[in-house]
Structures are given as C-alpha cells and as structure tokens.
Amino acid sequence: MRILRATGNAVLWLVAALGVTSVLVWGATQAGWIQPLVVVSGSMQPGIMTGDLLVAVRAPTSDLRVGDVVTLRDGRTGVLVTHRVVSIEPTGDETWGVRMQGDANDSVDAGTYEVGATVLRPAVQISGGGYVLRTVTQPSVAVPLGVALVALLGLSLLPRTPARPTVDTSPASPRAVREEVSS
C-alpha cells in the first residue's frame, strides 16, 4: 500500500504541476502574450515538422526582416500561416505588406499578407508537441485522465494506517523485567 500511495502522490504532484502550467499558458494566451500553434502541414520541413508545437510571441513588425519566420493570418481564409518572409514593404502608417513562402514550397504564397504593428514570431518549438496536445485534449482521452486524477486524489487522501506497535519480549527488555518482578 505504501508503494501505491507514494506512486499516487508522485503522479498527483506531476499532474498538479502540469495543471498549473496549463493555467499559466491559458492565461498568457488569453492576455495575447503568446499563441500556441500546432503545425498541420509540411510546408516548412525540415526545420518545422508536421505535428510540432510552436509557441509564438508578439514582435514589432518594424523589426521584421527577410528570412525571418513569422505567423500571419491569411486575410482570405482566416487561417494562421507560419512561413518565411520573402519581402516586406510599408504600405502606410503602422501597416506593412508581407510576402511569405514555406521552405518546402516551390512558390511564394498567393497574395500579400497585410499586417499591423505586431506579428507573431515562433519563439519555442517542441518536436511532436502538437500531437501530444491534440491527443490529450480529445474527450476520449481527457475524460479518462480526469477520472484517473480524481482517483489519485482520493487515494492520496486515504488515512494512513498506523504502524502496529511491536513489543520487545526479550529477557533484557524493561517490559519483560517488569512482568517478572510483578509475578
């Protein structure tokens, strides 16, 4: 029972840390400080692979240079696209026209991306992290994980069984001496 309790406590602490990290990531995403991105195509291979998880941060568009990798929203489809900048031109006050191309693509993306004062730049790349994120957020996986977490929490709250006291009955023990004297 001790090993089961210790394992349960270790897993519970690990899941608790993961939960706190998830809340912090969610908060940073909601505040607009970061944008987690799951790579769904091979257009940037071999540098950025399908299934990778990218964490993008806001950066000033004025700092953007040809060759930088950025994530921009396609004005026609609304989809976020992460490609390499092939040209950038100011189009007005705090607006730019950006052309991009995937490293594995033969041609430049159709159209120009119109951007404002900031763009998203991938700051962290976690190989295969997108697959993991998609898997654990599916109800068929998330619900059993939640049940397991509740079970572990319950297991960690079980009262400890006190150790049974042992009595030393050897002739040299004080208890054995007391029993001999009283008889």
C-alpha atoms as a PDB file:
ATOM      1  CA  MET A   1       0.000   0.000   0.000  1.00  0.00           C
ATOM      2  CA  ARG A   2       2.951   2.337   0.708  1.00  0.00           C
ATOM      3  CA  ILE A   3       4.315   1.987  -2.830  1.00  0.00           C
ATOM      4  CA  LEU A   4       0.867   2.595  -4.305  1.00  0.00           C
ATOM      5  CA  ARG A   5       0.386   5.696  -2.138  1.00  0.00           C
ATOM      6  CA  ALA A   6       3.869   7.048  -2.976  1.00  0.00           C
ATOM      7  CA  THR A   7       3.303   6.454  -6.695  1.00  0.00           C
ATOM      8  CA  GLY A   8      -0.111   8.091  -6.475  1.00  0.00           C
ATOM      9  CA  ASN A   9       1.325  11.118  -4.671  1.00  0.00           C
ATOM     10  CA  ALA A  10       4.141  11.492  -7.220  1.00  0.00           C
ATOM     11  CA  VAL A  11       1.719  11.300 -10.136  1.00  0.00           C
ATOM     12  CA  LEU A  12      -0.659  13.692  -8.378  1.00  0.00           C
ATOM     13  CA  TRP A  13       2.124  16.262  -7.907  1.00  0.00           C
ATOM     14  CA  LEU A  14       3.183  15.842 -11.527  1.00  0.00           C
ATOM     15  CA  VAL A  15      -0.380  16.340 -12.766  1.00  0.00           C
ATOM     16  CA  ALA A  16      -0.823  19.306 -10.409  1.00  0.00           C
ATOM     17  CA  ALA A  17       2.318  20.936 -11.850  1.00  0.00           C
ATOM     18  CA  LEU A  18       1.040  20.245 -15.353  1.00  0.00           C
ATOM     19  CA  GLY A  19      -2.304  21.772 -14.384  1.00  0.00           C
ATOM     20  CA  VAL A  20      -0.682  24.942 -13.023  1.00  0.00           C
ATOM     21  CA  THR A  21       1.430  25.214 -16.187  1.00  0.00           C
ATOM     22  CA  SER A  22      -1.695  24.780 -18.312  1.00  0.00           C
ATOM     23  CA  VAL A  23      -3.480  27.568 -16.439  1.00  0.00           C
ATOM     24  CA  LEU A  24      -0.471  29.875 -16.878  1.00  0.00           C
ATOM     25  CA  VAL A  25      -0.266  29.093 -20.613  1.00  0.00           C
ATOM     26  CA  TRP A  26      -4.020  29.644 -20.966  1.00  0.00           C
ATOM     27  CA  GLY A  27      -3.752  32.987 -19.131  1.00  0.00           C
ATOM     28  CA  ALA A  28      -0.802  34.128 -21.260  1.00  0.00           C
ATOM     29  CA  THR A  29      -2.720  33.109 -24.393  1.00  0.00           C
ATOM     30  CA  GLN A  30      -5.845  34.977 -23.289  1.00  0.00           C
ATOM     31  CA  ALA A  31      -3.743  38.066 -22.479  1.00  0.00           C
ATOM     32  CA  GLY A  32      -2.285  37.931 -26.006  1.00  0.00           C
ATOM     33  CA  TRP A  33       1.292  37.412 -24.827  1.00  0.00           C
ATOM     34  CA  ILE A  34       1.733  34.037 -26.544  1.00  0.00           C
ATOM     35  CA  GLN A  35      -0.005  31.931 -29.178  1.00  0.00           C
ATOM     36  CA  PRO A  36       0.397  28.129 -29.113  1.00  0.00           C
ATOM     37  CA  LEU A  37       0.337  26.736 -32.673  1.00  0.00           C
ATOM     38  CA  VAL A  38       0.083  23.136 -33.854  1.00  0.00           C
ATOM     39  CA  VAL A  39       1.823  22.618 -37.212  1.00  0.00           C
ATOM     40  CA  VAL A  40      -0.608  20.866 -39.574  1.00  0.00           C
ATOM     41  CA  SER A  41       1.348  20.806 -42.835  1.00  0.00           C
ATOM     42  CA  GLY A  42       4.828  20.039 -44.076  1.00  0.00           C
ATOM     43  CA  SER A  43       5.356  23.380 -45.822  1.00  0.00           C
ATOM     44  CA  MET A  44       8.235  24.349 -43.505  1.00  0.00           C
ATOM     45  CA  GLN A  45      10.041  20.994 -43.413  1.00  0.00           C
ATOM     46  CA  PRO A  46      12.685  20.027 -42.477  1.00  0.00           C
ATOM     47  CA  GLY A  47      13.064  22.873 -39.950  1.00  0.00           C
ATOM     48  CA  ILE A  48       9.489  22.796 -38.678  1.00  0.00           C
ATOM     49  CA  MET A  49       7.808  19.402 -38.945  1.00  0.00           C
ATOM     50  CA  THR A  50       4.150  18.416 -39.090  1.00  0.00           C
ATOM     51  CA  GLY A  51       2.969  17.798 -35.509  1.00  0.00           C
ATOM     52  CA  ASP A  52       5.387  20.215 -33.877  1.00  0.00           C
ATOM     53  CA  LEU A  53       4.080  22.662 -31.289  1.00  0.00           C
ATOM     54  CA  LEU A  54       5.181  26.263 -31.737  1.00  0.00           C
ATOM     55  CA  VAL A  55       4.793  28.949 -29.102  1.00  0.00           C
ATOM     56  CA  ALA A  56       4.717  32.316 -30.837  1.00  0.00           C
ATOM     57  CA  VAL A  57       5.173  35.698 -29.161  1.00  0.00           C
ATOM     58  CA  ARG A  58       4.240  39.168 -30.353  1.00  0.00           C
ATOM     59  CA  ALA A  59       7.042  41.136 -32.018  1.00  0.00           C
ATOM     60  CA  PRO A  60       7.098  44.567 -33.660  1.00  0.00           C
ATOM     61  CA  THR A  61       6.558  44.362 -37.399  1.00  0.00           C
ATOM     62  CA  SER A  62       9.130  47.129 -37.826  1.00  0.00           C
ATOM     63  CA  ASP A  63      11.805  44.639 -36.648  1.00  0.00           C
ATOM     64  CA  LEU A  64      10.818  42.086 -39.308  1.00  0.00           C
ATOM     65  CA  ARG A  65      13.476  41.151 -41.871  1.00  0.00           C
ATOM     66  CA  VAL A  66      13.544  38.999 -44.992  1.00  0.00           C
ATOM     67  CA  GLY A  67      14.347  35.434 -43.907  1.00  0.00           C
ATOM     68  CA  ASP A  68      12.502  35.643 -40.570  1.00  0.00           C
ATOM     69  CA  VAL A  69       9.865  33.017 -39.804  1.00  0.00           C
ATOM     70  CA  VAL A  70       6.556  34.543 -38.718  1.00  0.00           C
ATOM     71  CA  THR A  71       2.949  33.530 -38.241  1.00  0.00           C
ATOM     72  CA  LEU A  72       0.366  35.674 -40.011  1.00  0.00           C
ATOM     73  CA  ARG A  73      -3.381  35.367 -40.503  1.00  0.00           C
ATOM     74  CA  ASP A  74      -4.421  34.761 -44.101  1.00  0.00           C
ATOM     75  CA  GLY A  75      -6.930  37.522 -44.898  1.00  0.00           C
ATOM     76  CA  ARG A  76      -8.885  35.278 -47.271  1.00  0.00           C
ATOM     77  CA  THR A  77      -9.227  32.136 -45.133  1.00  0.00           C
ATOM     78  CA  GLY A  78      -8.596  33.444 -41.599  1.00  0.00           C
ATOM     79  CA  VAL A  79      -6.096  30.620 -41.027  1.00  0.00           C
ATOM     80  CA  LEU A  80      -2.794  31.290 -39.267  1.00  0.00           C
ATOM     81  CA  VAL A  81       0.156  30.554 -41.576  1.00  0.00           C
ATOM     82  CA  THR A  82       3.758  30.118 -40.403  1.00  0.00           C
ATOM     83  CA  HIS A  83       6.220  30.714 -43.262  1.00  0.00           C
ATOM     84  CA  ARG A  84       9.436  32.554 -44.054  1.00  0.00           C
ATOM     85  CA  VAL A  85       9.322  36.243 -45.042  1.00  0.00           C
ATOM     86  CA  VAL A  86      10.485  36.802 -48.627  1.00  0.00           C
ATOM     87  CA  SER A  87       9.587  40.507 -48.837  1.00  0.00           C
ATOM     88  CA  ILE A  88       8.223  43.265 -46.639  1.00  0.00           C
ATOM     89  CA  GLU A  89       7.109  46.750 -47.643  1.00  0.00           C
ATOM     90  CA  PRO A  90       5.494  49.545 -45.656  1.00  0.00           C
ATOM     91  CA  THR A  91       2.011  50.297 -47.006  1.00  0.00           C
ATOM     92  CA  GLY A  92       1.066  53.106 -44.640  1.00  0.00           C
ATOM     93  CA  ASP A  93       1.304  54.270 -41.064  1.00  0.00           C
ATOM     94  CA  GLU A  94       1.968  51.136 -38.973  1.00  0.00           C
ATOM     95  CA  THR A  95       0.908  48.791 -41.800  1.00  0.00           C
ATOM     96  CA  TRP A  96       3.025  46.512 -43.950  1.00  0.00           C
ATOM     97  CA  GLY A  97       2.567  44.166 -46.862  1.00  0.00           C
ATOM     98  CA  VAL A  98       4.400  40.881 -46.274  1.00  0.00           C
ATOM     99  CA  ARG A  99       5.060  38.107 -48.796  1.00  0.00           C
ATOM    100  CA  MET A 100       5.917  34.665 -47.428  1.00  0.00           C
ATOM    101  CA  GLN A 101       6.904  31.219 -48.660  1.00  0.00           C
ATOM    102  CA  GLY A 102       7.142  27.835 -46.975  1.00  0.00           C
ATOM    103  CA  ASP A 103      10.648  26.336 -47.001  1.00  0.00           C
ATOM    104  CA  ALA A 104       9.340  23.170 -48.691  1.00  0.00           C
ATOM    105  CA  ASN A 105       7.144  25.069 -51.189  1.00  0.00           C
ATOM    106  CA  ASP A 106       8.229  25.789 -54.765  1.00  0.00           C
ATOM    107  CA  SER A 107       6.432  29.124 -54.960  1.00  0.00           C
ATOM    108  CA  VAL A 108       5.607  32.168 -52.878  1.00  0.00           C
ATOM    109  CA  ASP A 109       2.247  32.171 -51.060  1.00  0.00           C
ATOM    110  CA  ALA A 110      -0.598  33.614 -53.132  1.00  0.00           C
ATOM    111  CA  GLY A 111      -1.327  37.206 -52.184  1.00  0.00           C
ATOM    112  CA  THR A 112       0.212  39.640 -49.759  1.00  0.00           C
ATOM    113  CA  TYR A 113      -0.406  39.488 -46.030  1.00  0.00           C
ATOM    114  CA  GLU A 114      -1.487  42.872 -44.681  1.00  0.00           C
ATOM    115  CA  VAL A 115      -0.197  43.314 -41.128  1.00  0.00           C
ATOM    116  CA  GLY A 116      -0.303  45.953 -38.429  1.00  0.00           C
ATOM    117  CA  ALA A 117       2.189  46.973 -35.759  1.00  0.00           C
ATOM    118  CA  THR A 118       2.881  43.464 -34.441  1.00  0.00           C
ATOM    119  CA  VAL A 119       3.328  39.945 -35.804  1.00  0.00           C
ATOM    120  CA  LEU A 120       3.627  36.525 -34.188  1.00  0.00           C
ATOM    121  CA  ARG A 121       7.129  35.021 -34.168  1.00  0.00           C
ATOM    122  CA  PRO A 122       7.725  31.426 -33.112  1.00  0.00           C
ATOM    123  CA  ALA A 123       9.934  31.550 -30.012  1.00  0.00           C
ATOM    124  CA  VAL A 124       9.728  27.919 -28.871  1.00  0.00           C
ATOM    125  CA  GLN A 125       9.452  24.739 -30.936  1.00  0.00           C
ATOM    126  CA  ILE A 126       8.527  21.446 -29.262  1.00  0.00           C
ATOM    127  CA  SER A 127       9.021  18.493 -31.594  1.00  0.00           C
ATOM    128  CA  GLY A 128       5.889  16.324 -31.643  1.00  0.00           C
ATOM    129  CA  GLY A 129       4.237  18.525 -29.006  1.00  0.00           C
ATOM    130  CA  GLY A 130       1.298  19.268 -31.272  1.00  0.00           C
ATOM    131  CA  TYR A 131       0.437  15.572 -31.492  1.00  0.00           C
ATOM    132  CA  VAL A 132       0.526  15.294 -27.710  1.00  0.00           C
ATOM    133  CA  LEU A 133      -1.609  18.417 -27.250  1.00  0.00           C
ATOM    134  CA  ARG A 134      -4.221  17.239 -29.739  1.00  0.00           C
ATOM    135  CA  THR A 135      -4.331  13.787 -28.188  1.00  0.00           C
ATOM    136  CA  VAL A 136      -4.788  14.858 -24.561  1.00  0.00           C
ATOM    137  CA  THR A 137      -7.490  17.387 -25.470  1.00  0.00           C
ATOM    138  CA  GLN A 138      -9.701  14.796 -27.177  1.00  0.00           C
ATOM    139  CA  PRO A 139     -12.665  13.844 -24.947  1.00  0.00           C
ATOM    140  CA  SER A 140     -11.863  10.136 -25.342  1.00  0.00           C
ATOM    141  CA  VAL A 141      -8.518  10.801 -23.628  1.00  0.00           C
ATOM    142  CA  ALA A 142      -9.280  13.810 -21.403  1.00  0.00           C
ATOM    143  CA  VAL A 143     -12.243  12.190 -19.598  1.00  0.00           C
ATOM    144  CA  PRO A 144     -10.367   9.016 -18.524  1.00  0.00           C
ATOM    145  CA  LEU A 145      -7.399  11.174 -17.480  1.00  0.00           C
ATOM    146  CA  GLY A 146      -9.759  13.281 -15.355  1.00  0.00           C
ATOM    147  CA  VAL A 147     -11.242  10.162 -13.744  1.00  0.00           C
ATOM    148  CA  ALA A 148      -7.745   8.836 -13.036  1.00  0.00           C
ATOM    149  CA  LEU A 149      -6.792  12.181 -11.479  1.00  0.00           C
ATOM    150  CA  VAL A 150      -9.835  12.097  -9.188  1.00  0.00           C
ATOM    151  CA  ALA A 151      -8.973   8.502  -8.220  1.00  0.00           C
ATOM    152  CA  LEU A 152      -5.382   9.505  -7.428  1.00  0.00           C
ATOM    153  CA  LEU A 153      -6.612  12.454  -5.390  1.00  0.00           C
ATOM    154  CA  GLY A 154      -8.899  10.127  -3.437  1.00  0.00           C
ATOM    155  CA  LEU A 155      -6.065   7.670  -2.915  1.00  0.00           C
ATOM    156  CA  SER A 156      -3.791  10.399  -1.589  1.00  0.00           C
ATOM    157  CA  LEU A 157      -6.464  11.464   0.910  1.00  0.00           C
ATOM    158  CA  LEU A 158      -6.902   7.992   2.428  1.00  0.00           C
ATOM    159  CA  PRO A 159      -5.995   7.955   6.109  1.00  0.00           C
ATOM    160  CA  ARG A 160      -2.701   6.375   6.907  1.00  0.00           C
ATOM    161  CA  THR A 161      -2.911   3.128   8.800  1.00  0.00           C
ATOM    162  CA  PRO A 162      -0.832   3.432  11.935  1.00  0.00           C
ATOM    163  CA  ALA A 163       2.011   1.010  12.270  1.00  0.00           C
ATOM    164  CA  ARG A 164       1.262  -1.758  14.800  1.00  0.00           C
ATOM    165  CA  PRO A 165       3.391  -1.343  17.872  1.00  0.00           C
ATOM    166  CA  THR A 166       5.854  -4.120  18.425  1.00  0.00           C
ATOM    167  CA  VAL A 167       6.568  -5.350  21.886  1.00  0.00           C
ATOM    168  CA  ASP A 168      10.052  -6.473  22.728  1.00  0.00           C
ATOM    169  CA  THR A 169       9.645  -9.553  24.918  1.00  0.00           C
ATOM    170  CA  SER A 170      13.306 -10.448  25.157  1.00  0.00           C
ATOM    171  CA  PRO A 171      14.505 -11.033  28.733  1.00  0.00           C
ATOM    172  CA  ALA A 172      16.612  -7.837  28.608  1.00  0.00           C
ATOM    173  CA  SER A 173      13.684  -5.565  27.733  1.00  0.00           C
ATOM    174  CA  PRO A 174      12.296  -3.317  30.503  1.00  0.00           C
ATOM    175  CA  ARG A 175       8.764  -4.688  29.933  1.00  0.00           C
ATOM    176  CA  ALA A 176       9.906  -8.287  30.395  1.00  0.00           C
ATOM    177  CA  VAL A 177      11.730  -7.286  33.588  1.00  0.00           C
ATOM    178  CA  ARG A 178       8.611  -5.558  34.937  1.00  0.00           C
ATOM    179  CA  GLU A 179       6.473  -8.611  34.256  1.00  0.00           C
ATOM    180  CA  GLU A 180       8.930 -10.888  36.070  1.00  0.00           C
ATOM    181  CA  VAL A 181       9.064  -8.596  39.118  1.00  0.00           C
ATOM    182  CA  SER A 182       5.306  -8.331  39.400  1.00  0.00           C
ATOM    183  CA  SER A 183       4.713 -12.075  39.329  1.00  0.00           C
END
